[in-house]
Full PDB file with SEQRES, HELIX, SHEET, SSBOND, CRYST1, ORIGX, SCALE, CONECT and MASTER records, all heavy atoms in Angstrom:
SEQRES   1 A   33  PHE ASN LEU PHE ALA HIS LYS THR VAL LEU ASP ASN VAL          
SEQRES   2 A   33  THR LEU GLY PRO ILE LYS VAL ARG GLY LEU PRO LYS ALA          
SEQRES   3 A   33  GLN ALA ARG GLU GLU GLY MET                                  
HELIX    1 AA1 VAL A    9  LYS A   19  1                                  11    
HELIX    2 AA2 LYS A   25  GLY A   32  1                                   8    
CRYST1    1.000    1.000    1.000  90.00  90.00  90.00 P 1           1          
ORIGX1      1.000000  0.000000  0.000000        0.00000                         
ORIGX2      0.000000  1.000000  0.000000        0.00000                         
ORIGX3      0.000000  0.000000  1.000000        0.00000                         
SCALE1      1.000000  0.000000  0.000000        0.00000                         
SCALE2      0.000000  1.000000  0.000000        0.00000                         
SCALE3      0.000000  0.000000  1.000000        0.00000                         
ATOM      1  N   PHE A   1      11.564 206.274-157.844  1.00  0.00           N  
ATOM      2  CA  PHE A   1      12.467 206.073-156.792  1.00  0.00           C  
ATOM      3  C   PHE A   1      12.639 204.786-156.315  1.00  0.00           C  
ATOM      4  O   PHE A   1      13.697 204.375-155.696  1.00  0.00           O  
ATOM      5  CB  PHE A   1      11.986 207.211-155.568  1.00  0.00           C  
ATOM      6  CG  PHE A   1      11.444 208.412-156.122  1.00  0.00           C  
ATOM      7  CD1 PHE A   1      10.031 208.931-155.969  1.00  0.00           C  
ATOM      8  CD2 PHE A   1      12.043 209.223-157.075  1.00  0.00           C  
ATOM      9  CE1 PHE A   1       9.575 209.977-156.424  1.00  0.00           C  
ATOM     10  CE2 PHE A   1      11.630 210.392-157.524  1.00  0.00           C  
ATOM     11  CZ  PHE A   1      10.293 210.787-157.311  1.00  0.00           C  
ATOM     12  N   ASN A   2      11.614 203.872-156.580  1.00  0.00           N  
ATOM     13  CA  ASN A   2      11.788 202.490-156.241  1.00  0.00           C  
ATOM     14  C   ASN A   2      12.148 202.216-154.594  1.00  0.00           C  
ATOM     15  O   ASN A   2      12.880 201.383-154.384  1.00  0.00           O  
ATOM     16  CB  ASN A   2      12.924 201.741-157.039  1.00  0.00           C  
ATOM     17  CG  ASN A   2      12.411 201.666-158.507  1.00  0.00           C  
ATOM     18  OD1 ASN A   2      11.399 202.269-158.869  1.00  0.00           O  
ATOM     19  ND2 ASN A   2      13.151 201.018-159.279  1.00  0.00           N  
ATOM     20  N   LEU A   3      11.651 203.110-153.874  1.00  0.00           N  
ATOM     21  CA  LEU A   3      11.825 202.868-152.372  1.00  0.00           C  
ATOM     22  C   LEU A   3      10.844 201.963-151.866  1.00  0.00           C  
ATOM     23  O   LEU A   3       9.731 201.788-152.490  1.00  0.00           O  
ATOM     24  CB  LEU A   3      11.694 204.214-151.577  1.00  0.00           C  
ATOM     25  CG  LEU A   3      12.720 205.373-151.981  1.00  0.00           C  
ATOM     26  CD1 LEU A   3      12.319 206.584-151.369  1.00  0.00           C  
ATOM     27  CD2 LEU A   3      14.129 204.945-151.715  1.00  0.00           C  
ATOM     28  N   PHE A   4      11.157 201.188-150.847  1.00  0.00           N  
ATOM     29  CA  PHE A   4      10.133 200.267-150.303  1.00  0.00           C  
ATOM     30  C   PHE A   4       9.091 201.049-149.478  1.00  0.00           C  
ATOM     31  O   PHE A   4       9.469 201.696-148.421  1.00  0.00           O  
ATOM     32  CB  PHE A   4      10.915 199.329-149.320  1.00  0.00           C  
ATOM     33  CG  PHE A   4      11.775 198.405-149.991  1.00  0.00           C  
ATOM     34  CD1 PHE A   4      13.126 198.422-149.773  1.00  0.00           C  
ATOM     35  CD2 PHE A   4      11.305 197.403-150.916  1.00  0.00           C  
ATOM     36  CE1 PHE A   4      13.938 197.482-150.470  1.00  0.00           C  
ATOM     37  CE2 PHE A   4      12.072 196.591-151.630  1.00  0.00           C  
ATOM     38  CZ  PHE A   4      13.560 196.510-151.336  1.00  0.00           C  
ATOM     39  N   ALA A   5       7.931 201.086-149.956  1.00  0.00           N  
ATOM     40  CA  ALA A   5       6.845 201.968-149.410  1.00  0.00           C  
ATOM     41  C   ALA A   5       6.506 201.660-147.926  1.00  0.00           C  
ATOM     42  O   ALA A   5       6.200 202.590-147.265  1.00  0.00           O  
ATOM     43  CB  ALA A   5       5.588 201.738-150.262  1.00  0.00           C  
ATOM     44  N   HIS A   6       6.728 200.491-147.528  1.00  0.00           N  
ATOM     45  CA  HIS A   6       6.283 200.158-146.152  1.00  0.00           C  
ATOM     46  C   HIS A   6       7.443 200.256-145.100  1.00  0.00           C  
ATOM     47  O   HIS A   6       7.248 199.912-144.022  1.00  0.00           O  
ATOM     48  CB  HIS A   6       5.802 198.623-146.114  1.00  0.00           C  
ATOM     49  CG  HIS A   6       6.793 197.629-146.516  1.00  0.00           C  
ATOM     50  ND1 HIS A   6       7.168 197.573-147.904  1.00  0.00           N  
ATOM     51  CD2 HIS A   6       7.482 196.651-145.918  1.00  0.00           C  
ATOM     52  CE1 HIS A   6       8.055 196.696-147.986  1.00  0.00           C  
ATOM     53  NE2 HIS A   6       8.349 196.102-146.819  1.00  0.00           N  
ATOM     54  N   LYS A   7       8.646 200.563-145.626  1.00  0.00           N  
ATOM     55  CA  LYS A   7       9.748 200.848-144.634  1.00  0.00           C  
ATOM     56  C   LYS A   7      10.068 202.324-144.551  1.00  0.00           C  
ATOM     57  O   LYS A   7       9.883 203.090-145.497  1.00  0.00           O  
ATOM     58  CB  LYS A   7      11.003 200.082-145.244  1.00  0.00           C  
ATOM     59  CG  LYS A   7      10.772 198.554-145.263  1.00  0.00           C  
ATOM     60  CD  LYS A   7      12.191 197.895-145.534  1.00  0.00           C  
ATOM     61  CE  LYS A   7      12.129 196.402-145.401  1.00  0.00           C  
ATOM     62  NZ  LYS A   7      11.666 195.935-144.133  1.00  0.00           N  
ATOM     63  N   THR A   8      10.631 202.673-143.408  1.00  0.00           N  
ATOM     64  CA  THR A   8      11.004 204.042-143.120  1.00  0.00           C  
ATOM     65  C   THR A   8      12.127 204.457-144.018  1.00  0.00           C  
ATOM     66  O   THR A   8      12.728 203.525-144.575  1.00  0.00           O  
ATOM     67  CB  THR A   8      11.468 204.378-141.756  1.00  0.00           C  
ATOM     68  OG1 THR A   8      12.652 203.612-141.552  1.00  0.00           O  
ATOM     69  CG2 THR A   8      10.372 203.868-140.756  1.00  0.00           C  
ATOM     70  N   VAL A   9      12.319 205.686-144.194  1.00  0.00           N  
ATOM     71  CA  VAL A   9      13.465 206.189-144.949  1.00  0.00           C  
ATOM     72  C   VAL A   9      14.764 205.541-144.583  1.00  0.00           C  
ATOM     73  O   VAL A   9      15.479 205.137-145.431  1.00  0.00           O  
ATOM     74  CB  VAL A   9      13.534 207.772-144.853  1.00  0.00           C  
ATOM     75  CG1 VAL A   9      14.794 208.301-145.238  1.00  0.00           C  
ATOM     76  CG2 VAL A   9      12.327 208.424-145.775  1.00  0.00           C  
ATOM     77  N   LEU A  10      15.048 205.562-143.214  1.00  0.00           N  
ATOM     78  CA  LEU A  10      16.265 205.049-142.709  1.00  0.00           C  
ATOM     79  C   LEU A  10      16.389 203.516-142.976  1.00  0.00           C  
ATOM     80  O   LEU A  10      17.472 203.097-143.364  1.00  0.00           O  
ATOM     81  CB  LEU A  10      16.409 205.369-141.197  1.00  0.00           C  
ATOM     82  CG  LEU A  10      17.712 204.839-140.524  1.00  0.00           C  
ATOM     83  CD1 LEU A  10      19.033 205.527-141.261  1.00  0.00           C  
ATOM     84  CD2 LEU A  10      17.839 205.196-139.105  1.00  0.00           C  
ATOM     85  N   ASP A  11      15.347 202.806-142.866  1.00  0.00           N  
ATOM     86  CA  ASP A  11      15.318 201.378-143.185  1.00  0.00           C  
ATOM     87  C   ASP A  11      15.636 201.122-144.532  1.00  0.00           C  
ATOM     88  O   ASP A  11      16.292 200.110-145.007  1.00  0.00           O  
ATOM     89  CB  ASP A  11      13.993 200.625-142.718  1.00  0.00           C  
ATOM     90  CG  ASP A  11      13.857 200.531-141.194  1.00  0.00           C  
ATOM     91  OD1 ASP A  11      14.902 200.576-140.474  1.00  0.00           O  
ATOM     92  OD2 ASP A  11      12.703 200.408-140.728  1.00  0.00           O  
ATOM     93  N   ASN A  12      15.009 201.966-145.462  1.00  0.00           N  
ATOM     94  CA  ASN A  12      15.388 201.906-146.999  1.00  0.00           C  
ATOM     95  C   ASN A  12      17.000 201.924-147.154  1.00  0.00           C  
ATOM     96  O   ASN A  12      17.443 201.224-147.947  1.00  0.00           O  
ATOM     97  CB  ASN A  12      14.651 202.978-147.727  1.00  0.00           C  
ATOM     98  CG  ASN A  12      13.249 202.572-148.250  1.00  0.00           C  
ATOM     99  OD1 ASN A  12      13.254 201.790-149.264  1.00  0.00           O  
ATOM    100  ND2 ASN A  12      12.289 202.894-147.538  1.00  0.00           N  
ATOM    101  N   VAL A  13      17.513 202.828-146.409  1.00  0.00           N  
ATOM    102  CA  VAL A  13      19.073 203.060-146.617  1.00  0.00           C  
ATOM    103  C   VAL A  13      19.798 201.998-146.067  1.00  0.00           C  
ATOM    104  O   VAL A  13      20.920 201.647-146.443  1.00  0.00           O  
ATOM    105  CB  VAL A  13      19.307 204.556-146.117  1.00  0.00           C  
ATOM    106  CG1 VAL A  13      20.841 204.688-146.165  1.00  0.00           C  
ATOM    107  CG2 VAL A  13      18.646 205.594-147.029  1.00  0.00           C  
ATOM    108  N   THR A  14      19.341 201.385-144.921  1.00  0.00           N  
ATOM    109  CA  THR A  14      20.224 200.571-144.195  1.00  0.00           C  
ATOM    110  C   THR A  14      20.009 199.012-144.668  1.00  0.00           C  
ATOM    111  O   THR A  14      20.814 198.101-144.345  1.00  0.00           O  
ATOM    112  CB  THR A  14      20.009 200.511-142.649  1.00  0.00           C  
ATOM    113  OG1 THR A  14      18.577 200.379-142.428  1.00  0.00           O  
ATOM    114  CG2 THR A  14      20.336 201.907-142.201  1.00  0.00           C  
ATOM    115  N   LEU A  15      18.892 198.770-145.295  1.00  0.00           N  
ATOM    116  CA  LEU A  15      18.664 197.373-145.682  1.00  0.00           C  
ATOM    117  C   LEU A  15      19.733 196.652-146.444  1.00  0.00           C  
ATOM    118  O   LEU A  15      20.149 195.570-146.074  1.00  0.00           O  
ATOM    119  CB  LEU A  15      17.255 197.277-146.472  1.00  0.00           C  
ATOM    120  CG  LEU A  15      16.691 195.956-146.728  1.00  0.00           C  
ATOM    121  CD1 LEU A  15      16.175 195.459-145.389  1.00  0.00           C  
ATOM    122  CD2 LEU A  15      15.621 196.007-147.695  1.00  0.00           C  
ATOM    123  N   GLY A  16      20.189 197.351-147.486  1.00  0.00           N  
ATOM    124  CA  GLY A  16      21.256 196.750-148.292  1.00  0.00           C  
ATOM    125  C   GLY A  16      22.519 196.452-147.570  1.00  0.00           C  
ATOM    126  O   GLY A  16      23.106 195.286-147.469  1.00  0.00           O  
ATOM    127  N   PRO A  17      23.088 197.475-146.892  1.00  0.00           N  
ATOM    128  CA  PRO A  17      24.451 197.230-146.054  1.00  0.00           C  
ATOM    129  C   PRO A  17      24.122 196.064-144.978  1.00  0.00           C  
ATOM    130  O   PRO A  17      25.148 195.334-144.830  1.00  0.00           O  
ATOM    131  CB  PRO A  17      24.558 198.473-145.420  1.00  0.00           C  
ATOM    132  CG  PRO A  17      23.837 199.553-146.339  1.00  0.00           C  
ATOM    133  CD  PRO A  17      22.684 198.871-146.863  1.00  0.00           C  
ATOM    134  N   ILE A  18      23.002 195.965-144.431  1.00  0.00           N  
ATOM    135  CA  ILE A  18      22.814 194.842-143.376  1.00  0.00           C  
ATOM    136  C   ILE A  18      22.705 193.538-144.206  1.00  0.00           C  
ATOM    137  O   ILE A  18      23.485 192.531-143.731  1.00  0.00           O  
ATOM    138  CB  ILE A  18      21.593 195.182-142.637  1.00  0.00           C  
ATOM    139  CG1 ILE A  18      21.809 196.441-141.618  1.00  0.00           C  
ATOM    140  CG2 ILE A  18      21.292 193.967-141.676  1.00  0.00           C  
ATOM    141  CD1 ILE A  18      20.480 196.896-140.969  1.00  0.00           C  
ATOM    142  N   LYS A  19      21.874 193.413-145.176  1.00  0.00           N  
ATOM    143  CA  LYS A  19      21.665 192.157-145.776  1.00  0.00           C  
ATOM    144  C   LYS A  19      22.696 191.687-146.667  1.00  0.00           C  
ATOM    145  O   LYS A  19      22.979 190.480-146.762  1.00  0.00           O  
ATOM    146  CB  LYS A  19      20.257 192.219-146.567  1.00  0.00           C  
ATOM    147  CG  LYS A  19      19.083 192.479-145.711  1.00  0.00           C  
ATOM    148  CD  LYS A  19      18.283 191.163-145.465  1.00  0.00           C  
ATOM    149  CE  LYS A  19      16.902 191.260-144.893  1.00  0.00           C  
ATOM    150  NZ  LYS A  19      16.839 190.856-143.475  1.00  0.00           N  
ATOM    151  N   VAL A  20      23.277 192.633-147.500  1.00  0.00           N  
ATOM    152  CA  VAL A  20      24.185 192.224-148.502  1.00  0.00           C  
ATOM    153  C   VAL A  20      25.620 192.402-148.029  1.00  0.00           C  
ATOM    154  O   VAL A  20      26.393 191.427-148.222  1.00  0.00           O  
ATOM    155  CB  VAL A  20      23.991 193.003-149.852  1.00  0.00           C  
ATOM    156  CG1 VAL A  20      25.000 192.664-150.875  1.00  0.00           C  
ATOM    157  CG2 VAL A  20      22.540 192.956-150.331  1.00  0.00           C  
ATOM    158  N   ARG A  21      25.940 193.442-147.411  1.00  0.00           N  
ATOM    159  CA  ARG A  21      27.242 193.627-146.971  1.00  0.00           C  
ATOM    160  C   ARG A  21      27.565 193.111-145.486  1.00  0.00           C  
ATOM    161  O   ARG A  21      28.717 193.045-145.043  1.00  0.00           O  
ATOM    162  CB  ARG A  21      27.626 195.256-146.895  1.00  0.00           C  
ATOM    163  CG  ARG A  21      27.571 195.808-148.234  1.00  0.00           C  
ATOM    164  CD  ARG A  21      28.905 195.805-148.904  1.00  0.00           C  
ATOM    165  NE  ARG A  21      29.009 196.750-150.033  1.00  0.00           N  
ATOM    166  CZ  ARG A  21      29.494 196.458-151.273  1.00  0.00           C  
ATOM    167  NH1 ARG A  21      30.047 195.190-151.358  1.00  0.00           N  
ATOM    168  NH2 ARG A  21      29.641 197.214-152.327  1.00  0.00           N  
ATOM    169  N   GLY A  22      26.434 192.656-144.802  1.00  0.00           N  
ATOM    170  CA  GLY A  22      26.633 192.007-143.525  1.00  0.00           C  
ATOM    171  C   GLY A  22      27.125 193.159-142.407  1.00  0.00           C  
ATOM    172  O   GLY A  22      27.732 192.690-141.393  1.00  0.00           O  
ATOM    173  N   LEU A  23      26.658 194.336-142.591  1.00  0.00           N  
ATOM    174  CA  LEU A  23      27.050 195.356-141.664  1.00  0.00           C  
ATOM    175  C   LEU A  23      26.210 195.251-140.351  1.00  0.00           C  
ATOM    176  O   LEU A  23      24.929 194.999-140.421  1.00  0.00           O  
ATOM    177  CB  LEU A  23      26.728 196.782-142.279  1.00  0.00           C  
ATOM    178  CG  LEU A  23      27.732 197.901-142.022  1.00  0.00           C  
ATOM    179  CD1 LEU A  23      29.083 197.566-142.385  1.00  0.00           C  
ATOM    180  CD2 LEU A  23      27.259 199.192-142.496  1.00  0.00           C  
ATOM    181  N   PRO A  24      26.815 195.327-139.201  1.00  0.00           N  
ATOM    182  CA  PRO A  24      26.031 195.377-137.962  1.00  0.00           C  
ATOM    183  C   PRO A  24      24.941 196.558-138.031  1.00  0.00           C  
ATOM    184  O   PRO A  24      25.202 197.578-138.536  1.00  0.00           O  
ATOM    185  CB  PRO A  24      26.934 195.692-136.821  1.00  0.00           C  
ATOM    186  CG  PRO A  24      28.331 195.260-137.442  1.00  0.00           C  
ATOM    187  CD  PRO A  24      28.233 195.587-138.942  1.00  0.00           C  
ATOM    188  N   LYS A  25      23.845 196.189-137.392  1.00  0.00           N  
ATOM    189  CA  LYS A  25      22.643 197.090-137.631  1.00  0.00           C  
ATOM    190  C   LYS A  25      22.905 198.509-137.012  1.00  0.00           C  
ATOM    191  O   LYS A  25      22.578 199.605-137.590  1.00  0.00           O  
ATOM    192  CB  LYS A  25      21.400 196.565-136.827  1.00  0.00           C  
ATOM    193  CG  LYS A  25      20.181 197.348-137.083  1.00  0.00           C  
ATOM    194  CD  LYS A  25      18.917 196.638-136.608  1.00  0.00           C  
ATOM    195  CE  LYS A  25      17.677 197.377-137.018  1.00  0.00           C  
ATOM    196  NZ  LYS A  25      16.502 196.814-136.417  1.00  0.00           N  
ATOM    197  N   ALA A  26      23.669 198.580-135.910  1.00  0.00           N  
ATOM    198  CA  ALA A  26      23.989 199.932-135.246  1.00  0.00           C  
ATOM    199  C   ALA A  26      24.844 200.699-136.208  1.00  0.00           C  
ATOM    200  O   ALA A  26      24.632 201.922-136.345  1.00  0.00           O  
ATOM    201  CB  ALA A  26      24.594 199.724-133.896  1.00  0.00           C  
ATOM    202  N   GLN A  27      25.876 200.164-136.692  1.00  0.00           N  
ATOM    203  CA  GLN A  27      26.742 200.805-137.715  1.00  0.00           C  
ATOM    204  C   GLN A  27      26.020 201.217-138.999  1.00  0.00           C  
ATOM    205  O   GLN A  27      26.270 202.363-139.488  1.00  0.00           O  
ATOM    206  CB  GLN A  27      27.863 199.877-137.992  1.00  0.00           C  
ATOM    207  CG  GLN A  27      28.981 200.596-138.851  1.00  0.00           C  
ATOM    208  CD  GLN A  27      30.116 199.559-139.276  1.00  0.00           C  
ATOM    209  OE1 GLN A  27      30.305 198.345-138.860  1.00  0.00           O  
ATOM    210  NE2 GLN A  27      30.829 199.983-140.279  1.00  0.00           N  
ATOM    211  N   ALA A  28      25.164 200.394-139.486  1.00  0.00           N  
ATOM    212  CA  ALA A  28      24.451 200.612-140.693  1.00  0.00           C  
ATOM    213  C   ALA A  28      23.471 201.936-140.367  1.00  0.00           C  
ATOM    214  O   ALA A  28      23.389 202.731-141.285  1.00  0.00           O  
ATOM    215  CB  ALA A  28      23.592 199.500-141.172  1.00  0.00           C  
ATOM    216  N   ARG A  29      22.871 201.898-139.228  1.00  0.00           N  
ATOM    217  CA  ARG A  29      22.066 203.089-138.919  1.00  0.00           C  
ATOM    218  C   ARG A  29      22.806 204.352-138.753  1.00  0.00           C  
ATOM    219  O   ARG A  29      22.391 205.393-139.249  1.00  0.00           O  
ATOM    220  CB  ARG A  29      21.189 202.799-137.738  1.00  0.00           C  
ATOM    221  CG  ARG A  29      20.112 201.726-137.841  1.00  0.00           C  
ATOM    222  CD  ARG A  29      19.381 201.468-136.608  1.00  0.00           C  
ATOM    223  NE  ARG A  29      18.452 202.489-136.252  1.00  0.00           N  
ATOM    224  CZ  ARG A  29      17.270 202.585-136.799  1.00  0.00           C  
ATOM    225  NH1 ARG A  29      16.768 201.703-137.684  1.00  0.00           N  
ATOM    226  NH2 ARG A  29      16.447 203.569-136.468  1.00  0.00           N  
ATOM    227  N   GLU A  30      24.065 204.303-138.141  1.00  0.00           N  
ATOM    228  CA  GLU A  30      24.803 205.441-138.035  1.00  0.00           C  
ATOM    229  C   GLU A  30      25.327 205.973-139.351  1.00  0.00           C  
ATOM    230  O   GLU A  30      25.266 207.137-139.639  1.00  0.00           O  
ATOM    231  CB  GLU A  30      26.063 205.006-137.215  1.00  0.00           C  
ATOM    232  CG  GLU A  30      26.929 206.232-136.726  1.00  0.00           C  
ATOM    233  CD  GLU A  30      28.186 205.673-135.854  1.00  0.00           C  
ATOM    234  OE1 GLU A  30      28.004 204.892-135.041  1.00  0.00           O  
ATOM    235  OE2 GLU A  30      29.206 206.338-136.057  1.00  0.00           O  
ATOM    236  N   GLU A  31      25.761 204.997-140.222  1.00  0.00           N  
ATOM    237  CA  GLU A  31      26.120 205.459-141.528  1.00  0.00           C  
ATOM    238  C   GLU A  31      24.976 205.903-142.370  1.00  0.00           C  
ATOM    239  O   GLU A  31      25.163 206.989-143.208  1.00  0.00           O  
ATOM    240  CB  GLU A  31      26.908 204.288-142.203  1.00  0.00           C  
ATOM    241  CG  GLU A  31      28.221 204.002-141.692  1.00  0.00           C  
ATOM    242  CD  GLU A  31      28.974 202.714-142.363  1.00  0.00           C  
ATOM    243  OE1 GLU A  31      28.536 202.352-143.432  1.00  0.00           O  
ATOM    244  OE2 GLU A  31      29.976 202.245-141.880  1.00  0.00           O  
ATOM    245  N   GLY A  32      23.967 205.395-142.169  1.00  0.00           N  
ATOM    246  CA  GLY A  32      22.708 205.751-142.967  1.00  0.00           C  
ATOM    247  C   GLY A  32      22.253 207.127-142.525  1.00  0.00           C  
ATOM    248  O   GLY A  32      21.965 207.932-143.481  1.00  0.00           O  
ATOM    249  N   MET A  33      22.266 207.487-141.277  1.00  0.00           N  
ATOM    250  CA  MET A  33      22.046 208.792-140.841  1.00  0.00           C  
ATOM    251  C   MET A  33      22.930 209.895-141.390  1.00  0.00           C  
ATOM    252  O   MET A  33      22.625 210.874-141.851  1.00  0.00           O  
ATOM    253  CB  MET A  33      21.863 208.962-139.264  1.00  0.00           C  
ATOM    254  CG  MET A  33      20.696 208.345-138.719  1.00  0.00           C  
ATOM    255  SD  MET A  33      19.164 209.037-139.262  1.00  0.00           S  
ATOM    256  CE  MET A  33      19.287 210.899-138.781  1.00  0.00           C  
TER     257      MET A  33                                                      
MASTER        0    0    0    2    0    0    0    6  256    1    0    3          
END                                                                             
């Protein structure tokens, strides 16, 4: 699965959009959920 073991499920999903796509954190979390 290659998930980051030390990050929550939601953080795993939002990391890329925030870091790579530059999505605002709140929007990334909303889309992630």
